[in-house]
């Protein structure tokens, strides 16, 4: 391989960290949104014993914005602002949350994360409404009156707090209205859609009003990302192009003054 080409490849990898990092979807990625909704509804439509009042779950942009803001902190703990609902969503009266983390980043996919939460079903007993081990993630996923979800995934190059310095991923899903109300079962047993009005799809109750999508010109007041975006733009728009131009000039000079120099592997 010519030394000029090798230098250009090296520069490309150095100046664009994304070349060496796994690509994770944004909250506006349609495939990501569809997969999050599909995996949740798949779990909700197949609960046992069957549910008569399970609502169909759809995406909510505001919940996804909150999930993204919290995931950016790269911590494996629940959002400390959930009790102050106006700081996590502009309209809902309550918001719930599930969190998943994994390493390496390539280990992440939506189905795997949601399946981990739903797997807690083995620890939940419907008759006694009790858990033998952790099962709160499962009961939130299948909480009948929860009808909106918004998720986000974040790459953590310096690791996830409490899990070591290795590069990892945090996946957060927020829900409205929140589930896991003390003393209540996640749903009422019965034939699919027998306990609710509207259209029935895969044992889930649908409603045009509930399923409608809203746009939110809103971000949480505790989201630290806006304060750092300016410096990110400077790096992208100024520093990287300047460094790349310098590399091109260097490569051209090497080729001009040493035309017969090659590097073989």
C-alpha atoms as a PDB file:
ATOM      1  CA  UNK A   1       0.000   0.000   0.000  1.00  0.00           C
ATOM      2  CA  UNK A   2       1.364   3.452  -0.874  1.00  0.00           C
ATOM      3  CA  UNK A   3       2.462   5.550   2.039  1.00  0.00           C
ATOM      4  CA  UNK A   4       0.193   8.391   0.917  1.00  0.00           C
ATOM      5  CA  UNK A   5      -2.891   6.183   0.950  1.00  0.00           C
ATOM      6  CA  UNK A   6      -1.902   4.702   4.298  1.00  0.00           C
ATOM      7  CA  UNK A   7      -1.507   8.153   5.837  1.00  0.00           C
ATOM      8  CA  UNK A   8      -4.909   9.235   4.534  1.00  0.00           C
ATOM      9  CA  UNK A   9      -6.547   6.141   5.980  1.00  0.00           C
ATOM     10  CA  UNK A  10      -4.853   6.773   9.293  1.00  0.00           C
ATOM     11  CA  UNK A  11      -6.049  10.384   9.292  1.00  0.00           C
ATOM     12  CA  UNK A  12      -9.601   9.328   8.530  1.00  0.00           C
ATOM     13  CA  UNK A  13      -9.678   6.938  11.474  1.00  0.00           C
ATOM     14  CA  UNK A  14      -8.122   9.447  13.889  1.00  0.00           C
ATOM     15  CA  UNK A  15     -10.308  12.374  12.887  1.00  0.00           C
ATOM     16  CA  UNK A  16     -13.529  10.411  12.831  1.00  0.00           C
ATOM     17  CA  UNK A  17     -13.911   8.388  16.047  1.00  0.00           C
ATOM     18  CA  UNK A  18     -17.131   6.926  14.676  1.00  0.00           C
ATOM     19  CA  UNK A  19     -15.063   4.724  12.379  1.00  0.00           C
ATOM     20  CA  UNK A  20     -13.929   2.652  15.357  1.00  0.00           C
ATOM     21  CA  UNK A  21     -17.133   2.886  17.396  1.00  0.00           C
ATOM     22  CA  UNK A  22     -20.377   1.000  17.167  1.00  0.00           C
ATOM     23  CA  UNK A  23     -23.228   2.955  15.583  1.00  0.00           C
ATOM     24  CA  UNK A  24     -26.239   3.425  17.865  1.00  0.00           C
ATOM     25  CA  UNK A  25     -29.643   4.779  16.772  1.00  0.00           C
ATOM     26  CA  UNK A  26     -31.026   8.177  17.698  1.00  0.00           C
ATOM     27  CA  UNK A  27     -34.523   8.720  19.092  1.00  0.00           C
ATOM     28  CA  UNK A  28     -35.638   9.907  15.639  1.00  0.00           C
ATOM     29  CA  UNK A  29     -34.557   6.662  13.936  1.00  0.00           C
ATOM     30  CA  UNK A  30     -37.767   5.127  12.580  1.00  0.00           C
ATOM     31  CA  UNK A  31     -36.525   1.542  12.787  1.00  0.00           C
ATOM     32  CA  UNK A  32     -35.451   2.057  16.394  1.00  0.00           C
ATOM     33  CA  UNK A  33     -38.816   3.579  17.306  1.00  0.00           C
ATOM     34  CA  UNK A  34     -40.743   0.771  15.609  1.00  0.00           C
ATOM     35  CA  UNK A  35     -38.654  -1.912  17.297  1.00  0.00           C
ATOM     36  CA  UNK A  36     -39.112  -0.412  20.763  1.00  0.00           C
ATOM     37  CA  UNK A  37     -42.879  -0.251  20.301  1.00  0.00           C
ATOM     38  CA  UNK A  38     -43.097  -3.706  18.722  1.00  0.00           C
ATOM     39  CA  UNK A  39     -41.108  -5.460  21.459  1.00  0.00           C
ATOM     40  CA  UNK A  40     -43.165  -3.867  24.211  1.00  0.00           C
ATOM     41  CA  UNK A  41     -46.501  -4.657  22.583  1.00  0.00           C
ATOM     42  CA  UNK A  42     -45.374  -8.196  21.851  1.00  0.00           C
ATOM     43  CA  UNK A  43     -44.821  -8.738  25.558  1.00  0.00           C
ATOM     44  CA  UNK A  44     -48.087  -7.025  26.496  1.00  0.00           C
ATOM     45  CA  UNK A  45     -50.234  -9.047  24.106  1.00  0.00           C
ATOM     46  CA  UNK A  46     -48.943 -12.395  25.369  1.00  0.00           C
ATOM     47  CA  UNK A  47     -49.159 -12.088  29.157  1.00  0.00           C
ATOM     48  CA  UNK A  48     -50.316 -15.039  31.214  1.00  0.00           C
ATOM     49  CA  UNK A  49     -52.862 -15.166  32.604  1.00  0.00           C
ATOM     50  CA  UNK A  50     -54.394 -13.132  29.731  1.00  0.00           C
ATOM     51  CA  UNK A  51     -55.321  -9.490  30.278  1.00  0.00           C
ATOM     52  CA  UNK A  52     -58.709  -7.963  29.578  1.00  0.00           C
ATOM     53  CA  UNK A  53     -57.690  -4.310  29.936  1.00  0.00           C
ATOM     54  CA  UNK A  54     -54.236  -4.086  28.297  1.00  0.00           C
ATOM     55  CA  UNK A  55     -53.787  -0.904  26.250  1.00  0.00           C
ATOM     56  CA  UNK A  56     -51.802  -0.787  23.031  1.00  0.00           C
ATOM     57  CA  UNK A  57     -48.552   1.122  23.542  1.00  0.00           C
ATOM     58  CA  UNK A  58     -47.310   3.824  21.159  1.00  0.00           C
ATOM     59  CA  UNK A  59     -44.270   6.110  20.971  1.00  0.00           C
ATOM     60  CA  UNK A  60     -44.030   9.452  22.737  1.00  0.00           C
ATOM     61  CA  UNK A  61     -41.405  11.967  21.690  1.00  0.00           C
ATOM     62  CA  UNK A  62     -41.353  13.719  25.068  1.00  0.00           C
ATOM     63  CA  UNK A  63     -40.601  10.491  26.926  1.00  0.00           C
ATOM     64  CA  UNK A  64     -37.820   9.718  24.442  1.00  0.00           C
ATOM     65  CA  UNK A  65     -36.287  13.171  25.003  1.00  0.00           C
ATOM     66  CA  UNK A  66     -36.228  12.513  28.752  1.00  0.00           C
ATOM     67  CA  UNK A  67     -34.780   9.015  28.247  1.00  0.00           C
ATOM     68  CA  UNK A  68     -32.016  10.454  26.068  1.00  0.00           C
ATOM     69  CA  UNK A  69     -31.183  13.185  28.565  1.00  0.00           C
ATOM     70  CA  UNK A  70     -30.830  10.687  31.408  1.00  0.00           C
ATOM     71  CA  UNK A  71     -28.968   8.077  29.335  1.00  0.00           C
ATOM     72  CA  UNK A  72     -26.325  10.699  28.491  1.00  0.00           C
ATOM     73  CA  UNK A  73     -25.215  10.612  32.119  1.00  0.00           C
ATOM     74  CA  UNK A  74     -24.010   7.017  31.675  1.00  0.00           C
ATOM     75  CA  UNK A  75     -25.179   5.897  35.103  1.00  0.00           C
ATOM     76  CA  UNK A  76     -27.035   2.692  35.934  1.00  0.00           C
ATOM     77  CA  UNK A  77     -29.574   4.187  38.306  1.00  0.00           C
ATOM     78  CA  UNK A  78     -33.062   5.615  38.003  1.00  0.00           C
ATOM     79  CA  UNK A  79     -33.697   9.213  37.059  1.00  0.00           C
ATOM     80  CA  UNK A  80     -33.658  11.273  40.245  1.00  0.00           C
ATOM     81  CA  UNK A  81     -36.242  13.698  38.784  1.00  0.00           C
ATOM     82  CA  UNK A  82     -39.048  11.166  38.247  1.00  0.00           C
ATOM     83  CA  UNK A  83     -40.910  12.267  41.386  1.00  0.00           C
ATOM     84  CA  UNK A  84     -41.069  15.836  40.061  1.00  0.00           C
ATOM     85  CA  UNK A  85     -43.066  14.905  36.967  1.00  0.00           C
ATOM     86  CA  UNK A  86     -42.992  18.355  35.324  1.00  0.00           C
ATOM     87  CA  UNK A  87     -39.218  18.013  35.077  1.00  0.00           C
ATOM     88  CA  UNK A  88     -39.498  14.789  33.065  1.00  0.00           C
ATOM     89  CA  UNK A  89     -42.544  15.475  30.885  1.00  0.00           C
ATOM     90  CA  UNK A  90     -44.635  18.557  30.043  1.00  0.00           C
ATOM     91  CA  UNK A  91     -48.085  16.902  30.151  1.00  0.00           C
ATOM     92  CA  UNK A  92     -48.242  13.451  31.813  1.00  0.00           C
ATOM     93  CA  UNK A  93     -49.160  13.084  35.481  1.00  0.00           C
ATOM     94  CA  UNK A  94     -46.592  10.323  36.122  1.00  0.00           C
ATOM     95  CA  UNK A  95     -43.635   8.716  34.347  1.00  0.00           C
ATOM     96  CA  UNK A  96     -42.062   5.287  34.869  1.00  0.00           C
ATOM     97  CA  UNK A  97     -38.661   3.991  33.791  1.00  0.00           C
ATOM     98  CA  UNK A  98     -36.655   0.877  32.932  1.00  0.00           C
ATOM     99  CA  UNK A  99     -32.869   0.801  32.421  1.00  0.00           C
ATOM    100  CA  UNK A 100     -30.546  -1.732  30.776  1.00  0.00           C
ATOM    101  CA  UNK A 101     -26.771  -1.612  30.442  1.00  0.00           C
ATOM    102  CA  UNK A 102     -24.319  -3.804  28.565  1.00  0.00           C
ATOM    103  CA  UNK A 103     -20.721  -4.281  27.448  1.00  0.00           C
ATOM    104  CA  UNK A 104     -19.334  -4.226  24.800  1.00  0.00           C
ATOM    105  CA  UNK A 105     -21.517  -1.730  22.904  1.00  0.00           C
ATOM    106  CA  UNK A 106     -22.000  -4.217  20.065  1.00  0.00           C
ATOM    107  CA  UNK A 107     -23.949  -6.415  22.512  1.00  0.00           C
ATOM    108  CA  UNK A 108     -26.898  -3.996  22.470  1.00  0.00           C
ATOM    109  CA  UNK A 109     -30.127  -4.515  20.627  1.00  0.00           C
ATOM    110  CA  UNK A 110     -33.642  -3.497  21.604  1.00  0.00           C
ATOM    111  CA  UNK A 111     -35.024  -7.024  21.595  1.00  0.00           C
ATOM    112  CA  UNK A 112     -32.300  -8.288  23.917  1.00  0.00           C
ATOM    113  CA  UNK A 113     -32.832  -5.461  26.406  1.00  0.00           C
ATOM    114  CA  UNK A 114     -36.624  -5.725  26.531  1.00  0.00           C
ATOM    115  CA  UNK A 115     -36.386  -9.516  26.718  1.00  0.00           C
ATOM    116  CA  UNK A 116     -34.201  -9.117  29.810  1.00  0.00           C
ATOM    117  CA  UNK A 117     -36.903  -7.044  31.485  1.00  0.00           C
ATOM    118  CA  UNK A 118     -39.715  -9.359  30.425  1.00  0.00           C
ATOM    119  CA  UNK A 119     -37.685 -12.351  31.630  1.00  0.00           C
ATOM    120  CA  UNK A 120     -38.429 -11.238  35.184  1.00  0.00           C
ATOM    121  CA  UNK A 121     -41.905 -12.706  34.642  1.00  0.00           C
ATOM    122  CA  UNK A 122     -40.613 -15.948  36.133  1.00  0.00           C
ATOM    123  CA  UNK A 123     -40.252 -14.140  39.471  1.00  0.00           C
ATOM    124  CA  UNK A 124     -43.775 -12.672  39.469  1.00  0.00           C
ATOM    125  CA  UNK A 125     -46.875 -14.469  40.775  1.00  0.00           C
ATOM    126  CA  UNK A 126     -50.134 -12.984  39.524  1.00  0.00           C
ATOM    127  CA  UNK A 127     -52.350 -14.612  42.154  1.00  0.00           C
ATOM    128  CA  UNK A 128     -50.422 -13.208  45.104  1.00  0.00           C
ATOM    129  CA  UNK A 129     -49.236 -10.128  43.194  1.00  0.00           C
ATOM    130  CA  UNK A 130     -45.767 -10.716  44.639  1.00  0.00           C
ATOM    131  CA  UNK A 131     -42.197 -11.146  43.495  1.00  0.00           C
ATOM    132  CA  UNK A 132     -39.777 -13.843  44.596  1.00  0.00           C
ATOM    133  CA  UNK A 133     -36.943 -11.771  43.108  1.00  0.00           C
ATOM    134  CA  UNK A 134     -36.706  -8.547  41.105  1.00  0.00           C
ATOM    135  CA  UNK A 135     -39.713  -8.212  38.785  1.00  0.00           C
ATOM    136  CA  UNK A 136     -40.491  -4.476  38.635  1.00  0.00           C
ATOM    137  CA  UNK A 137     -39.133  -4.095  35.108  1.00  0.00           C
ATOM    138  CA  UNK A 138     -41.532  -6.779  33.878  1.00  0.00           C
ATOM    139  CA  UNK A 139     -44.569  -5.342  35.630  1.00  0.00           C
ATOM    140  CA  UNK A 140     -43.846  -1.896  34.167  1.00  0.00           C
ATOM    141  CA  UNK A 141     -43.620  -3.317  30.638  1.00  0.00           C
ATOM    142  CA  UNK A 142     -47.022  -5.037  31.057  1.00  0.00           C
ATOM    143  CA  UNK A 143     -48.781  -2.401  33.163  1.00  0.00           C
ATOM    144  CA  UNK A 144     -52.191  -2.231  31.499  1.00  0.00           C
ATOM    145  CA  UNK A 145     -52.862   1.508  31.797  1.00  0.00           C
ATOM    146  CA  UNK A 146     -49.411   2.505  30.511  1.00  0.00           C
ATOM    147  CA  UNK A 147     -49.906   3.436  26.860  1.00  0.00           C
ATOM    148  CA  UNK A 148     -46.880   5.527  25.871  1.00  0.00           C
ATOM    149  CA  UNK A 149     -43.167   4.680  25.694  1.00  0.00           C
ATOM    150  CA  UNK A 150     -40.058   6.602  24.695  1.00  0.00           C
ATOM    151  CA  UNK A 151     -36.570   5.107  24.681  1.00  0.00           C
ATOM    152  CA  UNK A 152     -32.972   6.135  24.024  1.00  0.00           C
ATOM    153  CA  UNK A 153     -29.604   4.409  23.866  1.00  0.00           C
ATOM    154  CA  UNK A 154     -26.292   6.050  24.748  1.00  0.00           C
ATOM    155  CA  UNK A 155     -22.696   5.056  24.052  1.00  0.00           C
ATOM    156  CA  UNK A 156     -20.497   5.485  27.154  1.00  0.00           C
ATOM    157  CA  UNK A 157     -16.820   5.552  26.035  1.00  0.00           C
ATOM    158  CA  UNK A 158     -15.555   5.875  29.613  1.00  0.00           C
ATOM    159  CA  UNK A 159     -17.814   3.161  30.947  1.00  0.00           C
ATOM    160  CA  UNK A 160     -21.090   3.107  32.858  1.00  0.00           C
ATOM    161  CA  UNK A 161     -20.899   4.284  36.462  1.00  0.00           C
ATOM    162  CA  UNK A 162     -20.808   1.314  38.865  1.00  0.00           C
ATOM    163  CA  UNK A 163     -19.805  -1.047  36.044  1.00  0.00           C
ATOM    164  CA  UNK A 164     -16.141  -0.168  35.454  1.00  0.00           C
ATOM    165  CA  UNK A 165     -14.227   1.853  32.845  1.00  0.00           C
ATOM    166  CA  UNK A 166     -14.902  -0.383  29.822  1.00  0.00           C
ATOM    167  CA  UNK A 167     -16.834   1.202  26.962  1.00  0.00           C
ATOM    168  CA  UNK A 168     -20.498   0.331  27.363  1.00  0.00           C
ATOM    169  CA  UNK A 169     -24.089   1.228  26.540  1.00  0.00           C
ATOM    170  CA  UNK A 170     -27.033   2.525  28.553  1.00  0.00           C
ATOM    171  CA  UNK A 171     -30.578   1.933  27.266  1.00  0.00           C
ATOM    172  CA  UNK A 172     -33.419   3.827  28.955  1.00  0.00           C
ATOM    173  CA  UNK A 173     -37.166   3.550  28.381  1.00  0.00           C
ATOM    174  CA  UNK A 174     -39.658   5.927  29.972  1.00  0.00           C
ATOM    175  CA  UNK A 175     -43.361   5.162  30.294  1.00  0.00           C
ATOM    176  CA  UNK A 176     -46.613   7.062  30.809  1.00  0.00           C
ATOM    177  CA  UNK A 177     -48.586   6.858  32.758  1.00  0.00           C
ATOM    178  CA  UNK A 178     -46.285   5.148  35.233  1.00  0.00           C
ATOM    179  CA  UNK A 179     -46.887   1.601  36.424  1.00  0.00           C
ATOM    180  CA  UNK A 180     -45.920  -0.280  39.579  1.00  0.00           C
ATOM    181  CA  UNK A 181     -48.507   1.314  41.846  1.00  0.00           C
ATOM    182  CA  UNK A 182     -48.277  -0.315  45.284  1.00  0.00           C
ATOM    183  CA  UNK A 183     -50.983  -2.863  46.019  1.00  0.00           C
ATOM    184  CA  UNK A 184     -52.248  -3.083  42.434  1.00  0.00           C
ATOM    185  CA  UNK A 185     -51.828  -5.851  39.880  1.00  0.00           C
ATOM    186  CA  UNK A 186     -50.354  -4.800  36.540  1.00  0.00           C
ATOM    187  CA  UNK A 187     -53.561  -5.791  34.723  1.00  0.00           C
ATOM    188  CA  UNK A 188     -56.969  -7.399  35.215  1.00  0.00           C
ATOM    189  CA  UNK A 189     -57.340 -10.993  34.075  1.00  0.00           C
ATOM    190  CA  UNK A 190     -59.840 -11.619  31.285  1.00  0.00           C
ATOM    191  CA  UNK A 191     -60.358 -12.244  27.594  1.00  0.00           C
ATOM    192  CA  UNK A 192     -58.387  -9.882  25.365  1.00  0.00           C
ATOM    193  CA  UNK A 193     -59.909  -6.366  25.201  1.00  0.00           C
ATOM    194  CA  UNK A 194     -62.948  -7.471  27.250  1.00  0.00           C
ATOM    195  CA  UNK A 195     -62.361  -4.746  29.823  1.00  0.00           C
ATOM    196  CA  UNK A 196     -61.795  -1.705  27.606  1.00  0.00           C
ATOM    197  CA  UNK A 197     -63.400   0.196  24.747  1.00  0.00           C
ATOM    198  CA  UNK A 198     -62.079   0.825  21.255  1.00  0.00           C
ATOM    199  CA  UNK A 199     -60.553  -1.377  18.598  1.00  0.00           C
ATOM    200  CA  UNK A 200     -58.830  -4.623  19.539  1.00  0.00           C
ATOM    201  CA  UNK A 201     -55.493  -5.652  18.020  1.00  0.00           C
ATOM    202  CA  UNK A 202     -53.560  -8.690  19.244  1.00  0.00           C
ATOM    203  CA  UNK A 203     -55.453  -8.610  22.564  1.00  0.00           C
ATOM    204  CA  UNK A 204     -54.562  -4.926  23.018  1.00  0.00           C
ATOM    205  CA  UNK A 205     -57.044  -2.045  23.159  1.00  0.00           C
ATOM    206  CA  UNK A 206     -56.449   0.725  20.626  1.00  0.00           C
ATOM    207  CA  UNK A 207     -57.795   4.271  20.459  1.00  0.00           C
ATOM    208  CA  UNK A 208     -57.122   6.991  17.876  1.00  0.00           C
ATOM    209  CA  UNK A 209     -56.903   9.584  20.638  1.00  0.00           C
ATOM    210  CA  UNK A 210     -54.434   7.590  22.744  1.00  0.00           C
ATOM    211  CA  UNK A 211     -52.408   6.448  19.755  1.00  0.00           C
ATOM    212  CA  UNK A 212     -52.011   9.934  18.263  1.00  0.00           C
ATOM    213  CA  UNK A 213     -48.496  11.369  18.062  1.00  0.00           C
ATOM    214  CA  UNK A 214     -47.562  14.722  19.578  1.00  0.00           C
ATOM    215  CA  UNK A 215     -44.538  16.941  19.033  1.00  0.00           C
ATOM    216  CA  UNK A 216     -42.852  18.672  21.963  1.00  0.00           C
ATOM    217  CA  UNK A 217     -40.770  21.834  21.752  1.00  0.00           C
ATOM    218  CA  UNK A 218     -39.312  20.963  25.121  1.00  0.00           C
ATOM    219  CA  UNK A 219     -36.222  19.614  26.850  1.00  0.00           C
ATOM    220  CA  UNK A 220     -35.680  18.860  30.565  1.00  0.00           C
ATOM    221  CA  UNK A 221     -34.115  21.726  32.491  1.00  0.00           C
ATOM    222  CA  UNK A 222     -31.517  19.288  33.883  1.00  0.00           C
ATOM    223  CA  UNK A 223     -30.298  18.103  30.472  1.00  0.00           C
ATOM    224  CA  UNK A 224     -26.617  19.094  30.373  1.00  0.00           C
ATOM    225  CA  UNK A 225     -26.203  18.382  26.651  1.00  0.00           C
ATOM    226  CA  UNK A 226     -27.071  21.884  25.302  1.00  0.00           C
ATOM    227  CA  UNK A 227     -24.166  23.422  27.228  1.00  0.00           C
ATOM    228  CA  UNK A 228     -21.646  21.172  25.475  1.00  0.00           C
ATOM    229  CA  UNK A 229     -23.010  21.234  21.956  1.00  0.00           C
ATOM    230  CA  UNK A 230     -21.215  24.457  21.036  1.00  0.00           C
ATOM    231  CA  UNK A 231     -17.784  22.961  21.617  1.00  0.00           C
ATOM    232  CA  UNK A 232     -18.805  19.824  19.710  1.00  0.00           C
ATOM    233  CA  UNK A 233     -19.747  21.926  16.712  1.00  0.00           C
ATOM    234  CA  UNK A 234     -16.413  23.753  16.846  1.00  0.00           C
ATOM    235  CA  UNK A 235     -14.589  20.415  16.758  1.00  0.00           C
ATOM    236  CA  UNK A 236     -16.678  19.135  13.853  1.00  0.00           C
ATOM    237  CA  UNK A 237     -16.723  22.325  11.765  1.00  0.00           C
ATOM    238  CA  UNK A 238     -13.246  23.753  12.455  1.00  0.00           C
ATOM    239  CA  UNK A 239     -10.738  21.466  14.162  1.00  0.00           C
ATOM    240  CA  UNK A 240     -11.360  18.295  12.177  1.00  0.00           C
ATOM    241  CA  UNK A 241     -11.333  19.907   8.693  1.00  0.00           C
ATOM    242  CA  UNK A 242      -8.184  21.852   9.582  1.00  0.00           C
ATOM    243  CA  UNK A 243      -6.385  18.741  10.777  1.00  0.00           C
ATOM    244  CA  UNK A 244      -7.518  16.802   7.720  1.00  0.00           C
ATOM    245  CA  UNK A 245      -6.251  19.556   5.391  1.00  0.00           C
ATOM    246  CA  UNK A 246      -2.902  19.512   7.177  1.00  0.00           C
ATOM    247  CA  UNK A 247      -2.693  15.744   6.682  1.00  0.00           C
ATOM    248  CA  UNK A 248      -3.425  16.097   2.959  1.00  0.00           C
ATOM    249  CA  UNK A 249      -0.696  18.720   2.617  1.00  0.00           C
ATOM    250  CA  UNK A 250       1.769  16.515   4.500  1.00  0.00           C
ATOM    251  CA  UNK A 251       0.926  13.503   2.375  1.00  0.00           C
ATOM    252  CA  UNK A 252       1.314  15.529  -0.818  1.00  0.00           C
ATOM    253  CA  UNK A 253       4.686  16.858   0.315  1.00  0.00           C
ATOM    254  CA  UNK A 254       5.947  13.364   1.110  1.00  0.00           C
ATOM    255  CA  UNK A 255       4.812  12.120  -2.293  1.00  0.00           C
ATOM    256  CA  UNK A 256       6.332  15.150  -4.070  1.00  0.00           C
ATOM    257  CA  UNK A 257       9.778  15.020  -2.466  1.00  0.00           C
ATOM    258  CA  UNK A 258       9.971  11.218  -2.094  1.00  0.00           C
ATOM    259  CA  UNK A 259       8.041   9.873  -5.116  1.00  0.00           C
ATOM    260  CA  UNK A 260       9.641   6.433  -4.938  1.00  0.00           C
ATOM    261  CA  UNK A 261       8.897   5.741  -1.279  1.00  0.00           C
ATOM    262  CA  UNK A 262       6.289   3.056  -0.680  1.00  0.00           C
ATOM    263  CA  UNK A 263       5.224   1.024   2.297  1.00  0.00           C
ATOM    264  CA  UNK A 264       4.472  -2.634   1.841  1.00  0.00           C
ATOM    265  CA  UNK A 265       2.757  -5.095   4.149  1.00  0.00           C
END
